[in-house]
């Protein structure tokens, strides 16, 4: 079980009284907690608890794409993001805060172009620079040795686990300082799951990860801190070791022990 290595870390994301509604229906009651820099912060809880709604609010996808209404404050490095509007500013935010979804979504392009596409749009033009980014990103996702001799292969032809690691590599290529992961291993085999978890552990020195997972064992393995959401409420948040062994709320213990959810 991961310890609280982020005890003295700076706050990367500060959520204060964040309330999320869809067409008037509350998805998340006002929630306040911090996500510390260079840590893995997991969010656990049963389906319908508001986990993904919160995650998708961290890069404003819930606001722009899902039709959510968000109250409160979300600051990233002291910059308020809930006031951001406009395509250019949204694009800049999402280069800074990448996301990997539950279902792999590779582009219908080659492995190389899946990685190079975003950096090229962001302004990287030299082939040598793109080549270096592709290799670095694939290595970070523990995938380079598997595909280095077939970078012209379509990304969609890879196995499910490889596709998900390709999506992670594609996100990493834009050099984000935050990566959101929404059930990234829910449909993966144990080997691919291990490689994604290994990537998170190795990269968290430079990247803050926010991991939504229904797999409490995964949260226990990789997360420095864990938040427990239940029925649209933040029940508690704290060091993962404490949440899993000495939770403050009986509901947290019941969920972790499998007594409901």
C-alpha atoms as a PDB file:
ATOM      1  CA  UNK A   1       0.000   0.000   0.000  1.00  0.00           C
ATOM      2  CA  UNK A   2       1.371   3.372  -0.958  1.00  0.00           C
ATOM      3  CA  UNK A   3       2.167   5.780   1.855  1.00  0.00           C
ATOM      4  CA  UNK A   4       1.540   9.508   2.100  1.00  0.00           C
ATOM      5  CA  UNK A   5       4.629  10.575   0.167  1.00  0.00           C
ATOM      6  CA  UNK A   6       2.930  13.862  -0.641  1.00  0.00           C
ATOM      7  CA  UNK A   7       2.572  15.002   2.976  1.00  0.00           C
ATOM      8  CA  UNK A   8       4.745  18.072   2.438  1.00  0.00           C
ATOM      9  CA  UNK A   9       4.047  18.543  -1.257  1.00  0.00           C
ATOM     10  CA  UNK A  10       2.643  21.747  -2.647  1.00  0.00           C
ATOM     11  CA  UNK A  11      -1.037  21.855  -3.533  1.00  0.00           C
ATOM     12  CA  UNK A  12      -1.469  21.360  -7.279  1.00  0.00           C
ATOM     13  CA  UNK A  13      -5.274  21.383  -7.450  1.00  0.00           C
ATOM     14  CA  UNK A  14      -7.435  23.075  -4.836  1.00  0.00           C
ATOM     15  CA  UNK A  15     -11.133  22.214  -5.044  1.00  0.00           C
ATOM     16  CA  UNK A  16     -13.325  24.340  -2.795  1.00  0.00           C
ATOM     17  CA  UNK A  17     -17.082  23.869  -2.404  1.00  0.00           C
ATOM     18  CA  UNK A  18     -17.286  22.265  -5.840  1.00  0.00           C
ATOM     19  CA  UNK A  19     -20.896  21.415  -6.661  1.00  0.00           C
ATOM     20  CA  UNK A  20     -21.846  19.762  -9.958  1.00  0.00           C
ATOM     21  CA  UNK A  21     -25.348  19.591 -11.386  1.00  0.00           C
ATOM     22  CA  UNK A  22     -26.836  18.237 -14.603  1.00  0.00           C
ATOM     23  CA  UNK A  23     -30.129  19.851 -15.582  1.00  0.00           C
ATOM     24  CA  UNK A  24     -30.734  20.721 -11.958  1.00  0.00           C
ATOM     25  CA  UNK A  25     -29.918  17.255 -10.607  1.00  0.00           C
ATOM     26  CA  UNK A  26     -27.045  17.187  -8.148  1.00  0.00           C
ATOM     27  CA  UNK A  27     -24.186  14.906  -9.212  1.00  0.00           C
ATOM     28  CA  UNK A  28     -21.794  16.124  -6.531  1.00  0.00           C
ATOM     29  CA  UNK A  29     -22.615  18.013  -3.358  1.00  0.00           C
ATOM     30  CA  UNK A  30     -20.169  20.791  -2.366  1.00  0.00           C
ATOM     31  CA  UNK A  31     -16.781  19.120  -1.968  1.00  0.00           C
ATOM     32  CA  UNK A  32     -13.530  20.611  -0.699  1.00  0.00           C
ATOM     33  CA  UNK A  33     -10.130  18.899  -0.841  1.00  0.00           C
ATOM     34  CA  UNK A  34      -6.631  19.375  -2.211  1.00  0.00           C
ATOM     35  CA  UNK A  35      -4.624  17.309  -4.669  1.00  0.00           C
ATOM     36  CA  UNK A  36      -0.924  17.625  -4.018  1.00  0.00           C
ATOM     37  CA  UNK A  37       1.793  18.094  -6.581  1.00  0.00           C
ATOM     38  CA  UNK A  38       3.749  15.059  -7.805  1.00  0.00           C
ATOM     39  CA  UNK A  39       1.439  12.507  -6.226  1.00  0.00           C
ATOM     40  CA  UNK A  40      -1.117   9.941  -7.327  1.00  0.00           C
ATOM     41  CA  UNK A  41      -4.502  10.860  -5.864  1.00  0.00           C
ATOM     42  CA  UNK A  42      -7.162   8.200  -6.295  1.00  0.00           C
ATOM     43  CA  UNK A  43     -10.920   8.733  -6.122  1.00  0.00           C
ATOM     44  CA  UNK A  44     -12.926   5.664  -5.194  1.00  0.00           C
ATOM     45  CA  UNK A  45     -16.609   4.976  -4.692  1.00  0.00           C
ATOM     46  CA  UNK A  46     -19.518   3.078  -6.246  1.00  0.00           C
ATOM     47  CA  UNK A  47     -21.054   3.971  -9.600  1.00  0.00           C
ATOM     48  CA  UNK A  48     -23.056   7.181  -9.531  1.00  0.00           C
ATOM     49  CA  UNK A  49     -21.051   8.700  -6.700  1.00  0.00           C
ATOM     50  CA  UNK A  50     -19.797  11.715  -8.683  1.00  0.00           C
ATOM     51  CA  UNK A  51     -16.220  10.516  -9.266  1.00  0.00           C
ATOM     52  CA  UNK A  52     -16.119  10.937 -13.031  1.00  0.00           C
ATOM     53  CA  UNK A  53     -18.133  14.158 -12.927  1.00  0.00           C
ATOM     54  CA  UNK A  54     -15.496  15.637 -10.640  1.00  0.00           C
ATOM     55  CA  UNK A  55     -12.616  14.284 -12.722  1.00  0.00           C
ATOM     56  CA  UNK A  56     -14.032  15.686 -15.965  1.00  0.00           C
ATOM     57  CA  UNK A  57     -14.489  19.046 -14.258  1.00  0.00           C
ATOM     58  CA  UNK A  58     -10.751  19.323 -13.673  1.00  0.00           C
ATOM     59  CA  UNK A  59     -10.219  20.045 -17.374  1.00  0.00           C
ATOM     60  CA  UNK A  60     -13.736  21.475 -17.906  1.00  0.00           C
ATOM     61  CA  UNK A  61     -14.972  18.593 -20.062  1.00  0.00           C
ATOM     62  CA  UNK A  62     -18.042  18.224 -17.842  1.00  0.00           C
ATOM     63  CA  UNK A  63     -18.801  21.915 -18.339  1.00  0.00           C
ATOM     64  CA  UNK A  64     -18.130  22.167 -22.078  1.00  0.00           C
ATOM     65  CA  UNK A  65     -19.173  18.714 -23.307  1.00  0.00           C
ATOM     66  CA  UNK A  66     -21.476  17.182 -20.693  1.00  0.00           C
ATOM     67  CA  UNK A  67     -23.724  20.162 -19.969  1.00  0.00           C
ATOM     68  CA  UNK A  68     -22.782  20.399 -16.313  1.00  0.00           C
ATOM     69  CA  UNK A  69     -23.269  23.452 -14.130  1.00  0.00           C
ATOM     70  CA  UNK A  70     -20.393  23.863 -11.686  1.00  0.00           C
ATOM     71  CA  UNK A  71     -20.280  26.068  -8.613  1.00  0.00           C
ATOM     72  CA  UNK A  72     -17.373  26.709  -6.297  1.00  0.00           C
ATOM     73  CA  UNK A  73     -13.714  27.013  -7.159  1.00  0.00           C
ATOM     74  CA  UNK A  74     -11.093  24.813  -8.816  1.00  0.00           C
ATOM     75  CA  UNK A  75      -7.616  26.292  -8.771  1.00  0.00           C
ATOM     76  CA  UNK A  76      -4.619  24.770 -10.523  1.00  0.00           C
ATOM     77  CA  UNK A  77      -1.381  26.318  -9.269  1.00  0.00           C
ATOM     78  CA  UNK A  78      -3.520  29.162  -7.856  1.00  0.00           C
ATOM     79  CA  UNK A  79      -5.132  29.816 -11.264  1.00  0.00           C
ATOM     80  CA  UNK A  80      -8.937  29.620 -11.243  1.00  0.00           C
ATOM     81  CA  UNK A  81     -10.022  27.367 -14.120  1.00  0.00           C
ATOM     82  CA  UNK A  82     -13.827  27.583 -13.805  1.00  0.00           C
ATOM     83  CA  UNK A  83     -13.752  31.023 -15.427  1.00  0.00           C
ATOM     84  CA  UNK A  84     -11.868  29.813 -18.525  1.00  0.00           C
ATOM     85  CA  UNK A  85     -13.807  30.202 -21.769  1.00  0.00           C
ATOM     86  CA  UNK A  86     -12.945  30.117 -25.470  1.00  0.00           C
ATOM     87  CA  UNK A  87     -11.472  27.412 -27.706  1.00  0.00           C
ATOM     88  CA  UNK A  88      -7.879  28.615 -27.502  1.00  0.00           C
ATOM     89  CA  UNK A  89      -7.834  28.799 -23.713  1.00  0.00           C
ATOM     90  CA  UNK A  90      -9.613  25.436 -23.438  1.00  0.00           C
ATOM     91  CA  UNK A  91      -7.033  23.825 -25.736  1.00  0.00           C
ATOM     92  CA  UNK A  92      -4.202  25.279 -23.669  1.00  0.00           C
ATOM     93  CA  UNK A  93      -5.800  23.945 -20.479  1.00  0.00           C
ATOM     94  CA  UNK A  94      -6.144  20.449 -21.946  1.00  0.00           C
ATOM     95  CA  UNK A  95      -2.540  20.373 -23.074  1.00  0.00           C
ATOM     96  CA  UNK A  96      -1.678  21.098 -19.475  1.00  0.00           C
ATOM     97  CA  UNK A  97      -4.236  18.665 -18.023  1.00  0.00           C
ATOM     98  CA  UNK A  98      -4.409  15.499 -20.129  1.00  0.00           C
ATOM     99  CA  UNK A  99      -6.953  12.721 -19.761  1.00  0.00           C
ATOM    100  CA  UNK A 100      -7.055   8.987 -20.443  1.00  0.00           C
ATOM    101  CA  UNK A 101     -10.514   7.439 -20.696  1.00  0.00           C
ATOM    102  CA  UNK A 102     -11.797   4.031 -19.624  1.00  0.00           C
ATOM    103  CA  UNK A 103     -12.163   2.833 -23.210  1.00  0.00           C
ATOM    104  CA  UNK A 104      -9.037   3.188 -25.367  1.00  0.00           C
ATOM    105  CA  UNK A 105      -9.539   5.833 -28.036  1.00  0.00           C
ATOM    106  CA  UNK A 106      -6.554   5.720 -30.403  1.00  0.00           C
ATOM    107  CA  UNK A 107      -6.684   7.941 -33.462  1.00  0.00           C
ATOM    108  CA  UNK A 108      -7.252   6.158 -36.804  1.00  0.00           C
ATOM    109  CA  UNK A 109      -3.621   6.815 -37.637  1.00  0.00           C
ATOM    110  CA  UNK A 110      -0.276   5.066 -37.280  1.00  0.00           C
ATOM    111  CA  UNK A 111       1.331   4.541 -33.896  1.00  0.00           C
ATOM    112  CA  UNK A 112       3.814   7.281 -34.760  1.00  0.00           C
ATOM    113  CA  UNK A 113       1.112   9.736 -35.815  1.00  0.00           C
ATOM    114  CA  UNK A 114      -0.962   9.008 -32.731  1.00  0.00           C
ATOM    115  CA  UNK A 115       1.914  10.370 -30.656  1.00  0.00           C
ATOM    116  CA  UNK A 116       3.112  13.117 -33.017  1.00  0.00           C
ATOM    117  CA  UNK A 117      -0.317  14.526 -33.888  1.00  0.00           C
ATOM    118  CA  UNK A 118      -0.821  16.637 -30.747  1.00  0.00           C
ATOM    119  CA  UNK A 119       2.721  18.032 -30.498  1.00  0.00           C
ATOM    120  CA  UNK A 120       2.631  18.928 -34.190  1.00  0.00           C
ATOM    121  CA  UNK A 121      -0.587  20.921 -33.685  1.00  0.00           C
ATOM    122  CA  UNK A 122       0.998  22.538 -30.626  1.00  0.00           C
ATOM    123  CA  UNK A 123       3.884  23.770 -32.758  1.00  0.00           C
ATOM    124  CA  UNK A 124       6.566  21.060 -32.853  1.00  0.00           C
ATOM    125  CA  UNK A 125       7.577  20.707 -36.507  1.00  0.00           C
ATOM    126  CA  UNK A 126      11.094  19.271 -36.736  1.00  0.00           C
ATOM    127  CA  UNK A 127      11.102  15.563 -37.469  1.00  0.00           C
ATOM    128  CA  UNK A 128      14.019  14.955 -35.119  1.00  0.00           C
ATOM    129  CA  UNK A 129      12.089  16.573 -32.274  1.00  0.00           C
ATOM    130  CA  UNK A 130       8.963  14.578 -33.099  1.00  0.00           C
ATOM    131  CA  UNK A 131      10.979  11.361 -33.340  1.00  0.00           C
ATOM    132  CA  UNK A 132      12.440  12.015 -29.895  1.00  0.00           C
ATOM    133  CA  UNK A 133       9.015  12.786 -28.429  1.00  0.00           C
ATOM    134  CA  UNK A 134       7.520   9.612 -29.892  1.00  0.00           C
ATOM    135  CA  UNK A 135      10.266   7.447 -28.431  1.00  0.00           C
ATOM    136  CA  UNK A 136      10.249   9.176 -25.053  1.00  0.00           C
ATOM    137  CA  UNK A 137       6.463   8.952 -24.741  1.00  0.00           C
ATOM    138  CA  UNK A 138       6.301   5.307 -25.739  1.00  0.00           C
ATOM    139  CA  UNK A 139       9.112   4.469 -23.324  1.00  0.00           C
ATOM    140  CA  UNK A 140       7.257   6.261 -20.536  1.00  0.00           C
ATOM    141  CA  UNK A 141       4.217   4.099 -21.267  1.00  0.00           C
ATOM    142  CA  UNK A 142       6.376   0.936 -21.267  1.00  0.00           C
ATOM    143  CA  UNK A 143       5.599   0.308 -24.913  1.00  0.00           C
ATOM    144  CA  UNK A 144       8.660   1.281 -26.972  1.00  0.00           C
ATOM    145  CA  UNK A 145      10.255  -2.164 -27.132  1.00  0.00           C
ATOM    146  CA  UNK A 146       6.950  -3.670 -28.299  1.00  0.00           C
ATOM    147  CA  UNK A 147       6.362  -1.297 -31.224  1.00  0.00           C
ATOM    148  CA  UNK A 148       9.661   0.395 -32.137  1.00  0.00           C
ATOM    149  CA  UNK A 149       9.969  -1.652 -35.337  1.00  0.00           C
ATOM    150  CA  UNK A 150       6.388  -1.068 -36.485  1.00  0.00           C
ATOM    151  CA  UNK A 151       5.612   2.565 -35.798  1.00  0.00           C
ATOM    152  CA  UNK A 152       3.753   2.775 -39.111  1.00  0.00           C
ATOM    153  CA  UNK A 153       1.188   0.228 -37.889  1.00  0.00           C
ATOM    154  CA  UNK A 154      -2.312   1.588 -37.299  1.00  0.00           C
ATOM    155  CA  UNK A 155      -2.918   2.300 -33.634  1.00  0.00           C
ATOM    156  CA  UNK A 156      -6.365   0.759 -33.886  1.00  0.00           C
ATOM    157  CA  UNK A 157      -4.829  -2.613 -34.809  1.00  0.00           C
ATOM    158  CA  UNK A 158      -3.098  -2.996 -31.453  1.00  0.00           C
ATOM    159  CA  UNK A 159      -4.446  -5.089 -28.589  1.00  0.00           C
ATOM    160  CA  UNK A 160      -6.715  -3.386 -26.068  1.00  0.00           C
ATOM    161  CA  UNK A 161      -3.956  -3.070 -23.487  1.00  0.00           C
ATOM    162  CA  UNK A 162      -1.530  -1.672 -26.044  1.00  0.00           C
ATOM    163  CA  UNK A 163      -4.146   0.777 -27.293  1.00  0.00           C
ATOM    164  CA  UNK A 164      -4.636   2.096 -23.764  1.00  0.00           C
ATOM    165  CA  UNK A 165      -0.902   2.505 -23.259  1.00  0.00           C
ATOM    166  CA  UNK A 166      -0.740   4.245 -26.643  1.00  0.00           C
ATOM    167  CA  UNK A 167      -3.410   6.668 -25.408  1.00  0.00           C
ATOM    168  CA  UNK A 168      -1.341   7.289 -22.280  1.00  0.00           C
ATOM    169  CA  UNK A 169       1.757   7.885 -24.415  1.00  0.00           C
ATOM    170  CA  UNK A 170      -0.216  10.264 -26.642  1.00  0.00           C
ATOM    171  CA  UNK A 171      -1.228  12.243 -23.556  1.00  0.00           C
ATOM    172  CA  UNK A 172       2.334  12.297 -22.217  1.00  0.00           C
ATOM    173  CA  UNK A 173       3.681  13.616 -25.529  1.00  0.00           C
ATOM    174  CA  UNK A 174       2.106  17.008 -24.801  1.00  0.00           C
ATOM    175  CA  UNK A 175       4.149  17.289 -21.598  1.00  0.00           C
ATOM    176  CA  UNK A 176       1.196  17.791 -19.224  1.00  0.00           C
ATOM    177  CA  UNK A 177       1.778  18.532 -15.570  1.00  0.00           C
ATOM    178  CA  UNK A 178      -1.499  16.804 -14.625  1.00  0.00           C
ATOM    179  CA  UNK A 179      -2.946  13.577 -16.049  1.00  0.00           C
ATOM    180  CA  UNK A 180      -6.511  12.488 -15.300  1.00  0.00           C
ATOM    181  CA  UNK A 181      -7.274   8.771 -15.545  1.00  0.00           C
ATOM    182  CA  UNK A 182     -10.880   7.603 -15.673  1.00  0.00           C
ATOM    183  CA  UNK A 183     -10.915   3.853 -14.945  1.00  0.00           C
ATOM    184  CA  UNK A 184      -7.923   3.373 -17.283  1.00  0.00           C
ATOM    185  CA  UNK A 185      -7.467  -0.309 -16.457  1.00  0.00           C
ATOM    186  CA  UNK A 186     -11.087  -1.425 -16.147  1.00  0.00           C
ATOM    187  CA  UNK A 187     -10.949  -3.608 -19.277  1.00  0.00           C
ATOM    188  CA  UNK A 188      -7.262  -4.512 -19.273  1.00  0.00           C
ATOM    189  CA  UNK A 189      -5.337  -7.678 -18.557  1.00  0.00           C
ATOM    190  CA  UNK A 190      -3.087  -7.805 -15.478  1.00  0.00           C
ATOM    191  CA  UNK A 191       0.116  -7.219 -17.474  1.00  0.00           C
ATOM    192  CA  UNK A 192      -1.166  -4.043 -19.134  1.00  0.00           C
ATOM    193  CA  UNK A 193      -2.603  -2.890 -15.812  1.00  0.00           C
ATOM    194  CA  UNK A 194       0.774  -3.389 -14.158  1.00  0.00           C
ATOM    195  CA  UNK A 195       2.570  -1.431 -16.883  1.00  0.00           C
ATOM    196  CA  UNK A 196       0.195   1.531 -16.582  1.00  0.00           C
ATOM    197  CA  UNK A 197       0.550   1.519 -12.795  1.00  0.00           C
ATOM    198  CA  UNK A 198       4.321   1.313 -13.191  1.00  0.00           C
ATOM    199  CA  UNK A 199       4.252   4.325 -15.522  1.00  0.00           C
ATOM    200  CA  UNK A 200       2.297   6.347 -12.976  1.00  0.00           C
ATOM    201  CA  UNK A 201       4.708   5.492 -10.195  1.00  0.00           C
ATOM    202  CA  UNK A 202       7.746   6.365 -12.300  1.00  0.00           C
ATOM    203  CA  UNK A 203       6.332   9.624 -13.686  1.00  0.00           C
ATOM    204  CA  UNK A 204       4.711  11.129 -10.595  1.00  0.00           C
ATOM    205  CA  UNK A 205       7.872  13.047  -9.769  1.00  0.00           C
ATOM    206  CA  UNK A 206       7.010  15.366 -12.668  1.00  0.00           C
ATOM    207  CA  UNK A 207       3.295  14.730 -13.176  1.00  0.00           C
ATOM    208  CA  UNK A 208       0.344  14.841 -10.797  1.00  0.00           C
ATOM    209  CA  UNK A 209      -2.050  11.945 -11.439  1.00  0.00           C
ATOM    210  CA  UNK A 210      -5.736  11.899 -10.507  1.00  0.00           C
ATOM    211  CA  UNK A 211      -7.041   8.348 -10.772  1.00  0.00           C
ATOM    212  CA  UNK A 212     -10.720   7.417 -10.708  1.00  0.00           C
ATOM    213  CA  UNK A 213     -11.012   3.707 -10.068  1.00  0.00           C
ATOM    214  CA  UNK A 214     -13.602   1.189  -8.923  1.00  0.00           C
ATOM    215  CA  UNK A 215     -10.728  -1.139  -8.075  1.00  0.00           C
ATOM    216  CA  UNK A 216      -9.911  -0.453  -4.432  1.00  0.00           C
ATOM    217  CA  UNK A 217      -6.900  -2.771  -4.623  1.00  0.00           C
ATOM    218  CA  UNK A 218      -5.475  -0.603  -7.387  1.00  0.00           C
ATOM    219  CA  UNK A 219      -5.960   2.525  -5.289  1.00  0.00           C
ATOM    220  CA  UNK A 220      -4.225   0.819  -2.369  1.00  0.00           C
ATOM    221  CA  UNK A 221      -1.309  -0.211  -4.593  1.00  0.00           C
ATOM    222  CA  UNK A 222      -0.516   3.067  -6.296  1.00  0.00           C
ATOM    223  CA  UNK A 223      -2.171   6.066  -4.632  1.00  0.00           C
ATOM    224  CA  UNK A 224      -0.489   8.404  -2.174  1.00  0.00           C
ATOM    225  CA  UNK A 225      -3.838   9.855  -1.137  1.00  0.00           C
ATOM    226  CA  UNK A 226      -7.414   8.686  -1.652  1.00  0.00           C
ATOM    227  CA  UNK A 227     -10.811  10.380  -1.660  1.00  0.00           C
ATOM    228  CA  UNK A 228     -13.985   8.364  -1.091  1.00  0.00           C
ATOM    229  CA  UNK A 229     -17.158   9.559  -2.829  1.00  0.00           C
ATOM    230  CA  UNK A 230     -20.610   8.137  -2.055  1.00  0.00           C
ATOM    231  CA  UNK A 231     -23.943   9.118  -3.586  1.00  0.00           C
ATOM    232  CA  UNK A 232     -22.664  12.500  -4.701  1.00  0.00           C
ATOM    233  CA  UNK A 233     -20.854  13.288  -1.467  1.00  0.00           C
ATOM    234  CA  UNK A 234     -17.181  13.483  -0.566  1.00  0.00           C
ATOM    235  CA  UNK A 235     -17.159  11.301   2.537  1.00  0.00           C
ATOM    236  CA  UNK A 236     -13.489  11.661   3.364  1.00  0.00           C
ATOM    237  CA  UNK A 237     -10.047  12.237   1.905  1.00  0.00           C
ATOM    238  CA  UNK A 238      -6.611  11.491   3.280  1.00  0.00           C
ATOM    239  CA  UNK A 239      -3.448   9.395   3.074  1.00  0.00           C
ATOM    240  CA  UNK A 240      -4.230   6.103   1.366  1.00  0.00           C
ATOM    241  CA  UNK A 241      -2.780   4.021   4.199  1.00  0.00           C
ATOM    242  CA  UNK A 242      -5.088   5.734   6.671  1.00  0.00           C
ATOM    243  CA  UNK A 243      -8.174   5.584   4.441  1.00  0.00           C
ATOM    244  CA  UNK A 244      -7.693   1.839   3.998  1.00  0.00           C
ATOM    245  CA  UNK A 245      -6.813   0.936   7.578  1.00  0.00           C
ATOM    246  CA  UNK A 246      -8.214   3.633   9.874  1.00  0.00           C
ATOM    247  CA  UNK A 247     -10.946   5.547   8.036  1.00  0.00           C
ATOM    248  CA  UNK A 248     -12.782   8.286   9.895  1.00  0.00           C
ATOM    249  CA  UNK A 249     -16.180   7.284   8.531  1.00  0.00           C
ATOM    250  CA  UNK A 250     -17.759   3.855   8.905  1.00  0.00           C
ATOM    251  CA  UNK A 251     -19.103   4.102   5.350  1.00  0.00           C
ATOM    252  CA  UNK A 252     -15.563   4.220   3.995  1.00  0.00           C
ATOM    253  CA  UNK A 253     -14.606   1.067   5.830  1.00  0.00           C
ATOM    254  CA  UNK A 254     -17.789  -0.676   4.709  1.00  0.00           C
ATOM    255  CA  UNK A 255     -17.068   0.142   1.068  1.00  0.00           C
ATOM    256  CA  UNK A 256     -13.432  -0.893   1.201  1.00  0.00           C
ATOM    257  CA  UNK A 257     -14.357  -4.157   2.937  1.00  0.00           C
ATOM    258  CA  UNK A 258     -16.965  -4.873   0.264  1.00  0.00           C
ATOM    259  CA  UNK A 259     -20.006  -4.596   2.487  1.00  0.00           C
ATOM    260  CA  UNK A 260     -21.706  -2.448  -0.148  1.00  0.00           C
ATOM    261  CA  UNK A 261     -20.971  -0.917  -3.581  1.00  0.00           C
END
